[in-house]
Structure formats: C-alpha cells, structure tokens
PDB file of N, CA and C in Angstrom:
ATOM      1  N   MET A   1     -11.310  -5.681   8.249  1.00  0.00           N
ATOM      2  CA  MET A   1     -10.453  -6.709   8.135  1.00  0.00           C
ATOM      3  C   MET A   1     -10.143  -6.694   6.557  1.00  0.00           C
ATOM      4  N   GLU A   2     -11.270  -6.662   5.612  1.00  0.00           N
ATOM      5  CA  GLU A   2     -11.049  -7.115   4.291  1.00  0.00           C
ATOM      6  C   GLU A   2     -10.239  -5.726   3.803  1.00  0.00           C
ATOM      7  N   LYS A   3     -10.391  -4.397   4.138  1.00  0.00           N
ATOM      8  CA  LYS A   3      -9.553  -3.353   3.617  1.00  0.00           C
ATOM      9  C   LYS A   3      -8.145  -3.720   3.962  1.00  0.00           C
ATOM     10  N   LEU A   4      -7.540  -4.113   5.213  1.00  0.00           N
ATOM     11  CA  LEU A   4      -6.243  -4.382   5.447  1.00  0.00           C
ATOM     12  C   LEU A   4      -5.437  -5.727   4.806  1.00  0.00           C
ATOM     13  N   THR A   5      -6.440  -6.547   4.162  1.00  0.00           N
ATOM     14  CA  THR A   5      -5.993  -7.906   3.794  1.00  0.00           C
ATOM     15  C   THR A   5      -5.564  -7.078   1.877  1.00  0.00           C
ATOM     16  N   LEU A   6      -6.962  -6.081   1.573  1.00  0.00           N
ATOM     17  CA  LEU A   6      -6.239  -5.680   0.486  1.00  0.00           C
ATOM     18  C   LEU A   6      -4.759  -4.732   0.223  1.00  0.00           C
ATOM     19  N   TYR A   7      -4.895  -4.141   1.285  1.00  0.00           N
ATOM     20  CA  TYR A   7      -4.039  -3.047   1.062  1.00  0.00           C
ATOM     21  C   TYR A   7      -2.356  -4.042   1.441  1.00  0.00           C
ATOM     22  N   LEU A   8      -2.626  -4.931   1.951  1.00  0.00           N
ATOM     23  CA  LEU A   8      -1.442  -5.573   2.468  1.00  0.00           C
ATOM     24  C   LEU A   8      -0.844  -6.027   0.936  1.00  0.00           C
ATOM     25  N   CYS A   9      -1.980  -6.647  -0.123  1.00  0.00           N
ATOM     26  CA  CYS A   9      -1.675  -6.770  -1.516  1.00  0.00           C
ATOM     27  C   CYS A   9      -0.911  -6.136  -2.027  1.00  0.00           C
ATOM     28  N   VAL A  10      -1.584  -4.547  -2.142  1.00  0.00           N
ATOM     29  CA  VAL A  10      -1.252  -3.963  -2.473  1.00  0.00           C
ATOM     30  C   VAL A  10       0.030  -3.631  -2.520  1.00  0.00           C
ATOM     31  N   HIS A  11       0.361  -3.347  -0.900  1.00  0.00           N
ATOM     32  CA  HIS A  11       1.519  -2.786  -0.633  1.00  0.00           C
ATOM     33  C   HIS A  11       2.479  -3.513  -1.032  1.00  0.00           C
ATOM     34  N   LYS A  12       2.570  -5.396  -1.084  1.00  0.00           N
ATOM     35  CA  LYS A  12       3.333  -6.200  -1.608  1.00  0.00           C
ATOM     36  C   LYS A  12       4.079  -5.708  -2.770  1.00  0.00           C
ATOM     37  N   ARG A  13       2.920  -5.420  -3.744  1.00  0.00           N
ATOM     38  CA  ARG A  13       2.976  -5.060  -5.149  1.00  0.00           C
ATOM     39  C   ARG A  13       4.077  -3.621  -5.456  1.00  0.00           C
ATOM     40  N   LEU A  14       3.675  -3.107  -4.272  1.00  0.00           N
ATOM     41  CA  LEU A  14       4.728  -1.720  -4.723  1.00  0.00           C
ATOM     42  C   LEU A  14       5.922  -1.770  -3.970  1.00  0.00           C
ATOM     43  N   CYS A  15       6.145  -2.851  -2.950  1.00  0.00           N
ATOM     44  CA  CYS A  15       7.330  -2.910  -2.751  1.00  0.00           C
ATOM     45  C   CYS A  15       8.191  -3.671  -3.813  1.00  0.00           C
ATOM     46  N   ASP A  16       7.259  -4.538  -4.341  1.00  0.00           N
ATOM     47  CA  ASP A  16       8.429  -5.301  -5.671  1.00  0.00           C
ATOM     48  C   ASP A  16       8.600  -4.425  -6.367  1.00  0.00           C
ATOM     49  N   LYS A  17       7.869  -3.532  -6.785  1.00  0.00           N
ATOM     50  CA  LYS A  17       8.071  -2.355  -7.810  1.00  0.00           C
ATOM     51  C   LYS A  17       8.737  -0.947  -7.677  1.00  0.00           C
ATOM     52  N   VAL A  18       8.898  -0.837  -6.099  1.00  0.00           N
ATOM     53  CA  VAL A  18       9.533   0.328  -6.223  1.00  0.00           C
ATOM     54  C   VAL A  18      11.168   0.512  -5.978  1.00  0.00           C
ATOM     55  N   SER A  19      12.170   1.315  -6.371  1.00  0.00           N
ATOM     56  CA  SER A  19      13.491   1.329  -6.461  1.00  0.00           C
ATOM     57  C   SER A  19      14.000   1.273  -4.939  1.00  0.00           C
ATOM     58  N   LEU A  20      15.330   1.180  -4.917  1.00  0.00           N
ATOM     59  CA  LEU A  20      15.791   1.021  -3.726  1.00  0.00           C
ATOM     60  C   LEU A  20      15.820   2.343  -2.369  1.00  0.00           C
ATOM     61  N   SER A  21      15.364   3.314  -3.069  1.00  0.00           N
ATOM     62  CA  SER A  21      15.209   4.337  -2.460  1.00  0.00           C
ATOM     63  C   SER A  21      13.817   4.447  -1.537  1.00  0.00           C
ATOM     64  N   GLY A  22      12.764   3.582  -2.143  1.00  0.00           N
ATOM     65  CA  GLY A  22      11.494   3.348  -1.626  1.00  0.00           C
ATOM     66  C   GLY A  22      10.743   4.330  -1.973  1.00  0.00           C
ATOM     67  N   VAL A  23      11.102   5.081  -3.240  1.00  0.00           N
ATOM     68  CA  VAL A  23      10.246   6.413  -3.445  1.00  0.00           C
ATOM     69  C   VAL A  23      10.112   6.026  -5.266  1.00  0.00           C
ATOM     70  N   MET A  24       8.586   6.214  -5.268  1.00  0.00           N
ATOM     71  CA  MET A  24       7.680   6.142  -6.549  1.00  0.00           C
ATOM     72  C   MET A  24       7.094   7.082  -7.043  1.00  0.00           C
ATOM     73  N   PRO A  25       6.696   7.710  -8.538  1.00  0.00           N
ATOM     74  CA  PRO A  25       5.944   8.513  -8.796  1.00  0.00           C
ATOM     75  C   PRO A  25       4.480   8.185  -8.189  1.00  0.00           C
ATOM     76  N   LYS A  26       3.514   9.260  -7.747  1.00  0.00           N
ATOM     77  CA  LYS A  26       2.031   8.699  -7.976  1.00  0.00           C
ATOM     78  C   LYS A  26       1.408   8.079  -8.711  1.00  0.00           C
ATOM     79  N   LYS A  27       1.772   8.874 -10.019  1.00  0.00           N
ATOM     80  CA  LYS A  27       1.434   8.293 -11.149  1.00  0.00           C
ATOM     81  C   LYS A  27       1.470   7.136 -11.095  1.00  0.00           C
ATOM     82  N   ASP A  28       2.560   6.284 -10.688  1.00  0.00           N
ATOM     83  CA  ASP A  28       2.826   4.790 -10.815  1.00  0.00           C
ATOM     84  C   ASP A  28       1.942   3.931 -10.189  1.00  0.00           C
ATOM     85  N   PHE A  29       1.520   4.729  -8.972  1.00  0.00           N
ATOM     86  CA  PHE A  29       0.826   4.475  -7.553  1.00  0.00           C
ATOM     87  C   PHE A  29      -0.517   4.193  -8.171  1.00  0.00           C
ATOM     88  N   PHE A  30      -0.927   4.951  -9.055  1.00  0.00           N
ATOM     89  CA  PHE A  30      -2.396   5.315  -9.466  1.00  0.00           C
ATOM     90  C   PHE A  30      -2.511   4.136 -10.499  1.00  0.00           C
ATOM     91  N   ARG A  31      -1.162   4.068 -11.400  1.00  0.00           N
ATOM     92  CA  ARG A  31      -1.617   3.197 -12.236  1.00  0.00           C
ATOM     93  C   ARG A  31      -1.771   1.665 -11.753  1.00  0.00           C
ATOM     94  N   ILE A  32      -1.110   1.582 -10.897  1.00  0.00           N
ATOM     95  CA  ILE A  32      -0.576  -0.186 -10.373  1.00  0.00           C
ATOM     96  C   ILE A  32      -2.135  -0.271  -9.908  1.00  0.00           C
ATOM     97  N   ILE A  33      -2.685   0.482  -9.029  1.00  0.00           N
ATOM     98  CA  ILE A  33      -4.154   0.058  -8.420  1.00  0.00           C
ATOM     99  C   ILE A  33      -4.963   0.261  -9.145  1.00  0.00           C
ATOM    100  N   GLY A  34      -4.861   0.749 -10.300  1.00  0.00           N
ATOM    101  CA  GLY A  34      -5.799   1.222 -11.480  1.00  0.00           C
ATOM    102  C   GLY A  34      -5.931  -0.189 -12.564  1.00  0.00           C
ATOM    103  N   GLU A  35      -5.086  -0.481 -12.835  1.00  0.00           N
ATOM    104  CA  GLU A  35      -4.793  -1.768 -13.564  1.00  0.00           C
ATOM    105  C   GLU A  35      -4.977  -3.000 -12.871  1.00  0.00           C
ATOM    106  N   LEU A  36      -4.131  -3.536 -11.739  1.00  0.00           N
ATOM    107  CA  LEU A  36      -3.868  -4.432 -11.513  1.00  0.00           C
ATOM    108  C   LEU A  36      -5.082  -4.800 -10.812  1.00  0.00           C
ATOM    109  N   TYR A  37      -5.625  -4.064  -9.633  1.00  0.00           N
ATOM    110  CA  TYR A  37      -6.436  -4.151  -8.585  1.00  0.00           C
ATOM    111  C   TYR A  37      -7.905  -3.474  -9.210  1.00  0.00           C
ATOM    112  N   HIS A  38      -8.116  -2.997 -10.486  1.00  0.00           N
ATOM    113  CA  HIS A  38      -9.097  -2.162 -10.908  1.00  0.00           C
ATOM    114  C   HIS A  38      -9.986  -1.414  -9.819  1.00  0.00           C
ATOM    115  N   ILE A  39      -9.356  -0.547  -9.233  1.00  0.00           N
ATOM    116  CA  ILE A  39      -9.518   0.458  -8.905  1.00  0.00           C
ATOM    117  C   ILE A  39     -10.349   1.684  -9.310  1.00  0.00           C
ATOM    118  N   PRO A  40     -11.675   2.134  -9.279  1.00  0.00           N
ATOM    119  CA  PRO A  40     -11.976   3.036 -10.189  1.00  0.00           C
ATOM    120  C   PRO A  40     -11.225   4.285  -9.883  1.00  0.00           C
ATOM    121  N   LYS A  41     -11.147   5.461 -10.908  1.00  0.00           N
ATOM    122  CA  LYS A  41     -10.484   6.695 -10.659  1.00  0.00           C
ATOM    123  C   LYS A  41     -10.710   7.261  -9.166  1.00  0.00           C
ATOM    124  N   LYS A  42     -12.147   7.610  -9.051  1.00  0.00           N
ATOM    125  CA  LYS A  42     -12.755   8.335  -7.941  1.00  0.00           C
ATOM    126  C   LYS A  42     -11.949   7.800  -6.767  1.00  0.00           C
ATOM    127  N   PHE A  43     -12.195   6.240  -6.263  1.00  0.00           N
ATOM    128  CA  PHE A  43     -11.563   5.747  -5.281  1.00  0.00           C
ATOM    129  C   PHE A  43     -10.329   5.838  -5.184  1.00  0.00           C
ATOM    130  N   ARG A  44      -9.367   6.112  -6.000  1.00  0.00           N
ATOM    131  CA  ARG A  44      -7.889   5.660  -6.023  1.00  0.00           C
ATOM    132  C   ARG A  44      -7.181   6.589  -4.918  1.00  0.00           C
ATOM    133  N   ILE A  45      -7.598   8.109  -4.980  1.00  0.00           N
ATOM    134  CA  ILE A  45      -7.163   8.847  -3.785  1.00  0.00           C
ATOM    135  C   ILE A  45      -7.482   8.519  -2.700  1.00  0.00           C
ATOM    136  N   ILE A  46      -8.634   8.178  -2.339  1.00  0.00           N
ATOM    137  CA  ILE A  46      -9.231   7.226  -0.766  1.00  0.00           C
ATOM    138  C   ILE A  46      -8.290   5.929  -0.598  1.00  0.00           C
ATOM    139  N   VAL A  47      -7.809   5.196  -1.478  1.00  0.00           N
ATOM    140  CA  VAL A  47      -6.930   3.952  -0.982  1.00  0.00           C
ATOM    141  C   VAL A  47      -5.612   4.588  -0.827  1.00  0.00           C
ATOM    142  N   MET A  48      -5.039   5.795  -1.478  1.00  0.00           N
ATOM    143  CA  MET A  48      -3.805   6.162  -0.863  1.00  0.00           C
ATOM    144  C   MET A  48      -3.697   6.948   0.521  1.00  0.00           C
ATOM    145  N   ARG A  49      -4.980   7.542   0.708  1.00  0.00           N
ATOM    146  CA  ARG A  49      -5.013   8.497   2.023  1.00  0.00           C
ATOM    147  C   ARG A  49      -5.194   7.115   3.173  1.00  0.00           C
ATOM    148  N   GLU A  50      -5.827   6.295   3.081  1.00  0.00           N
ATOM    149  CA  GLU A  50      -6.074   5.049   3.923  1.00  0.00           C
ATOM    150  C   GLU A  50      -4.957   4.092   4.211  1.00  0.00           C
ATOM    151  N   MET A  51      -4.055   4.361   3.069  1.00  0.00           N
ATOM    152  CA  MET A  51      -2.846   3.663   3.272  1.00  0.00           C
ATOM    153  C   MET A  51      -1.822   4.184   3.988  1.00  0.00           C
ATOM    154  N   GLU A  52      -1.734   5.853   3.594  1.00  0.00           N
ATOM    155  CA  GLU A  52      -1.385   6.395   4.738  1.00  0.00           C
ATOM    156  C   GLU A  52      -1.536   6.366   6.124  1.00  0.00           C
ATOM    157  N   GLU A  53      -2.912   6.256   6.066  1.00  0.00           N
ATOM    158  CA  GLU A  53      -3.194   6.461   7.824  1.00  0.00           C
ATOM    159  C   GLU A  53      -2.682   4.918   8.371  1.00  0.00           C
ATOM    160  N   LEU A  54      -2.446   3.726   7.530  1.00  0.00           N
ATOM    161  CA  LEU A  54      -2.098   2.486   8.023  1.00  0.00           C
ATOM    162  C   LEU A  54      -0.550   2.582   7.957  1.00  0.00           C
ATOM    163  N   GLU A  55      -0.192   3.653   7.593  1.00  0.00           N
ATOM    164  CA  GLU A  55       1.532   4.010   7.624  1.00  0.00           C
ATOM    165  C   GLU A  55       2.214   3.112   6.880  1.00  0.00           C
ATOM    166  N   MET A  56       1.472   2.423   5.693  1.00  0.00           N
ATOM    167  CA  MET A  56       2.100   1.575   4.674  1.00  0.00           C
ATOM    168  C   MET A  56       3.136   2.415   3.504  1.00  0.00           C
ATOM    169  N   ILE A  57       2.481   3.892   3.491  1.00  0.00           N
ATOM    170  CA  ILE A  57       3.199   4.825   2.365  1.00  0.00           C
ATOM    171  C   ILE A  57       3.145   6.077   2.818  1.00  0.00           C
ATOM    172  N   GLU A  58       4.133   7.408   2.498  1.00  0.00           N
ATOM    173  CA  GLU A  58       3.823   8.807   3.052  1.00  0.00           C
ATOM    174  C   GLU A  58       4.180   9.311   1.566  1.00  0.00           C
ATOM    175  N   ASP A  59       2.928  10.422   1.447  1.00  0.00           N
ATOM    176  CA  ASP A  59       2.899  11.216   0.572  1.00  0.00           C
ATOM    177  C   ASP A  59       3.921  12.376   0.860  1.00  0.00           C
ATOM    178  N   LEU A  60       4.672  12.372  -0.237  1.00  0.00           N
ATOM    179  CA  LEU A  60       6.064  13.155  -0.210  1.00  0.00           C
ATOM    180  C   LEU A  60       5.522  14.911  -0.812  1.00  0.00           C
ATOM    181  N   GLY A  61       4.301  14.878  -1.444  1.00  0.00           N
ATOM    182  CA  GLY A  61       3.794  15.933  -1.585  1.00  0.00           C
ATOM    183  C   GLY A  61       4.201  16.723  -3.126  1.00  0.00           C
ATOM    184  N   ILE A  62       3.646  17.530  -3.380  1.00  0.00           N
ATOM    185  CA  ILE A  62       4.451  17.957  -4.473  1.00  0.00           C
ATOM    186  C   ILE A  62       5.559  18.664  -4.883  1.00  0.00           C
ATOM    187  N   LYS A  63       6.361  19.167  -3.662  1.00  0.00           N
ATOM    188  CA  LYS A  63       7.598  19.756  -3.982  1.00  0.00           C
ATOM    189  C   LYS A  63       8.524  18.657  -4.338  1.00  0.00           C
ATOM    190  N   ASN A  64       8.296  17.440  -3.966  1.00  0.00           N
ATOM    191  CA  ASN A  64       9.017  16.088  -4.243  1.00  0.00           C
ATOM    192  C   ASN A  64       8.507  15.274  -5.193  1.00  0.00           C
ATOM    193  N   ASN A  65       8.310  16.417  -6.482  1.00  0.00           N
ATOM    194  CA  ASN A  65       7.651  15.644  -7.959  1.00  0.00           C
ATOM    195  C   ASN A  65       6.781  14.881  -7.735  1.00  0.00           C
ATOM    196  N   SER A  66       5.608  15.136  -6.554  1.00  0.00           N
ATOM    197  CA  SER A  66       4.161  14.137  -6.673  1.00  0.00           C
ATOM    198  C   SER A  66       4.800  12.734  -6.244  1.00  0.00           C
ATOM    199  N   ASN A  67       6.093  12.579  -5.567  1.00  0.00           N
ATOM    200  CA  ASN A  67       6.181  11.177  -5.202  1.00  0.00           C
ATOM    201  C   ASN A  67       5.757  10.576  -3.998  1.00  0.00           C
ATOM    202  N   ILE A  68       5.196   9.259  -3.771  1.00  0.00           N
ATOM    203  CA  ILE A  68       5.360   8.576  -2.204  1.00  0.00           C
ATOM    204  C   ILE A  68       6.474   7.935  -2.122  1.00  0.00           C
ATOM    205  N   LYS A  69       6.353   7.565  -0.725  1.00  0.00           N
ATOM    206  CA  LYS A  69       7.501   6.595  -0.137  1.00  0.00           C
ATOM    207  C   LYS A  69       6.756   5.504   0.248  1.00  0.00           C
ATOM    208  N   VAL A  70       7.093   4.296  -0.300  1.00  0.00           N
ATOM    209  CA  VAL A  70       6.941   2.864   0.160  1.00  0.00           C
ATOM    210  C   VAL A  70       7.381   2.520   1.612  1.00  0.00           C
ATOM    211  N   ASN A  71       6.917   2.632   2.451  1.00  0.00           N
ATOM    212  CA  ASN A  71       7.629   2.042   3.765  1.00  0.00           C
ATOM    213  C   ASN A  71       7.888   0.819   3.852  1.00  0.00           C
ATOM    214  N   PRO A  72       8.589   0.273   4.470  1.00  0.00           N
ATOM    215  CA  PRO A  72       9.028  -1.359   4.600  1.00  0.00           C
ATOM    216  C   PRO A  72       8.179  -1.913   6.003  1.00  0.00           C
ATOM    217  N   LEU A  73       7.551  -3.315   5.569  1.00  0.00           N
ATOM    218  CA  LEU A  73       6.632  -3.951   6.264  1.00  0.00           C
ATOM    219  C   LEU A  73       7.519  -4.036   7.556  1.00  0.00           C
ATOM    220  N   PRO A  74       6.975  -3.866   9.065  1.00  0.00           N
ATOM    221  CA  PRO A  74       7.736  -4.383  10.285  1.00  0.00           C
ATOM    222  C   PRO A  74       8.277  -5.753  10.248  1.00  0.00           C
ATOM    223  N   GLU A  75       9.294  -5.493  11.189  1.00  0.00           N
ATOM    224  CA  GLU A  75       9.903  -6.974  11.441  1.00  0.00           C
ATOM    225  C   GLU A  75       9.349  -8.137  11.410  1.00  0.00           C
ATOM    226  N   ASP A  76       8.019  -7.827  12.231  1.00  0.00           N
ATOM    227  CA  ASP A  76       7.098  -8.574  12.928  1.00  0.00           C
ATOM    228  C   ASP A  76       6.223  -9.271  12.278  1.00  0.00           C
ATOM    229  N   PHE A  77       6.304  -9.229  10.745  1.00  0.00           N
ATOM    230  CA  PHE A  77       5.203  -8.996   9.920  1.00  0.00           C
ATOM    231  C   PHE A  77       4.620 -10.420  10.061  1.00  0.00           C
ATOM    232  N   ASP A  78       5.360 -11.910  10.081  1.00  0.00           N
ATOM    233  CA  ASP A  78       4.910 -12.926  10.118  1.00  0.00           C
ATOM    234  C   ASP A  78       3.811 -12.975  11.525  1.00  0.00           C
ATOM    235  N   GLU A  79       4.466 -12.608  12.682  1.00  0.00           N
ATOM    236  CA  GLU A  79       3.046 -12.695  13.698  1.00  0.00           C
ATOM    237  C   GLU A  79       2.007 -11.752  13.299  1.00  0.00           C
ATOM    238  N   GLU A  80       2.448 -10.860  12.821  1.00  0.00           N
ATOM    239  CA  GLU A  80       1.026  -9.737  12.482  1.00  0.00           C
ATOM    240  C   GLU A  80       0.369 -10.915  11.353  1.00  0.00           C
ATOM    241  N   MET A  81       0.510 -11.855  10.683  1.00  0.00           N
ATOM    242  CA  MET A  81      -0.177 -12.559   9.813  1.00  0.00           C
ATOM    243  C   MET A  81      -1.026 -13.582  10.409  1.00  0.00           C
ATOM    244  N   ASP A  82      -0.388 -14.328  11.497  1.00  0.00           N
ATOM    245  CA  ASP A  82      -0.972 -15.304  12.223  1.00  0.00           C
ATOM    246  C   ASP A  82      -2.085 -14.411  13.137  1.00  0.00           C
ATOM    247  N   LYS A  83      -1.833 -13.318  13.318  1.00  0.00           N
ATOM    248  CA  LYS A  83      -2.939 -12.874  13.720  1.00  0.00           C
ATOM    249  C   LYS A  83      -4.115 -12.377  13.038  1.00  0.00           C
ATOM    250  N   ILE A  84      -3.854 -11.751  11.482  1.00  0.00           N
ATOM    251  CA  ILE A  84      -5.230 -11.785  10.844  1.00  0.00           C
ATOM    252  C   ILE A  84      -5.502 -12.989  10.161  1.00  0.00           C
ATOM    253  N   TYR A  85      -5.062 -14.122  10.189  1.00  0.00           N
ATOM    254  CA  TYR A  85      -5.514 -15.270  10.188  1.00  0.00           C
ATOM    255  C   TYR A  85      -6.498 -15.661  11.193  1.00  0.00           C
ATOM    256  N   ARG A  86      -6.241 -15.334  11.978  1.00  0.00           N
ATOM    257  CA  ARG A  86      -7.192 -15.841  13.182  1.00  0.00           C
ATOM    258  C   ARG A  86      -8.422 -15.198  13.699  1.00  0.00           C
ATOM    259  N   GLU A  87      -7.835 -13.648  12.721  1.00  0.00           N
ATOM    260  CA  GLU A  87      -9.282 -12.799  13.321  1.00  0.00           C
ATOM    261  C   GLU A  87     -10.221 -12.850  12.061  1.00  0.00           C
ATOM    262  N   SER A  88      -9.941 -13.581  10.796  1.00  0.00           N
ATOM    263  CA  SER A  88     -10.456 -13.745   9.837  1.00  0.00           C
ATOM    264  C   SER A  88     -11.372 -15.223   9.739  1.00  0.00           C
ATOM    265  N   GLY A  89     -10.925 -16.079  10.655  1.00  0.00           N
ATOM    266  CA  GLY A  89     -11.296 -17.357  10.879  1.00  0.00           C
ATOM    267  C   GLY A  89     -10.854 -18.631  10.258  1.00  0.00           C
ATOM    268  N   LEU A  90      -9.540 -18.368   9.675  1.00  0.00           N
ATOM    269  CA  LEU A  90      -8.690 -19.179   8.621  1.00  0.00           C
ATOM    270  C   LEU A  90      -8.403 -20.578   9.688  1.00  0.00           C
ATOM    271  N   PHE A  91      -7.804 -19.820  10.970  1.00  0.00           N
ATOM    272  CA  PHE A  91      -7.026 -20.664  12.045  1.00  0.00           C
ATOM    273  C   PHE A  91      -7.998 -20.909  13.558  1.00  0.00           C
TER     274      PHE A  91
END
C-alpha cells in the first residue's frame, strides 16, 4: 500500500510536467524522482520498473530517444482513492 501511495504522488507530478503528448525524457523522470522525492540513484530504475508494472508509465525504449510515456489515471480514480483510504485505515 505504501508503494502505491508514493507512486500516485510521483505520477501526479509527472502528469503536471508532461506535454500534451504524454511523453517525457527519461532523464527528466529520473531528475524529478531524485530531486523532489530524494530517491537514491541506485533505486531510480527500480521505481521506473515498478511504475511500469502498475501501468502508470511506459518505457518507449532507446529507439524513441530514451523517452517514457506517462499514462493518464483511469476515469474511476476517485473510487480507487476511496478504496485506498479504506485499506490504509483512514475510513
């Protein structure tokens, strides 16, 4: 649960920083999670892979200039937040 909550915060920040195409350079992604969330360098690739598994981002590979695509949150995100609050014991 803690991992998902942190990744939702990171994802929200990425959505604010990304262009209309939803694509951003990996170096900007790593800079954001390093400078704002103080994730050490050796763990940044792990964060990226776990966010890929949660389908929050997509790695576009080196053929696309080492970019990532930030996927939008699902439409029923408010319902998901209620579920997250309940599971964490807030409600």
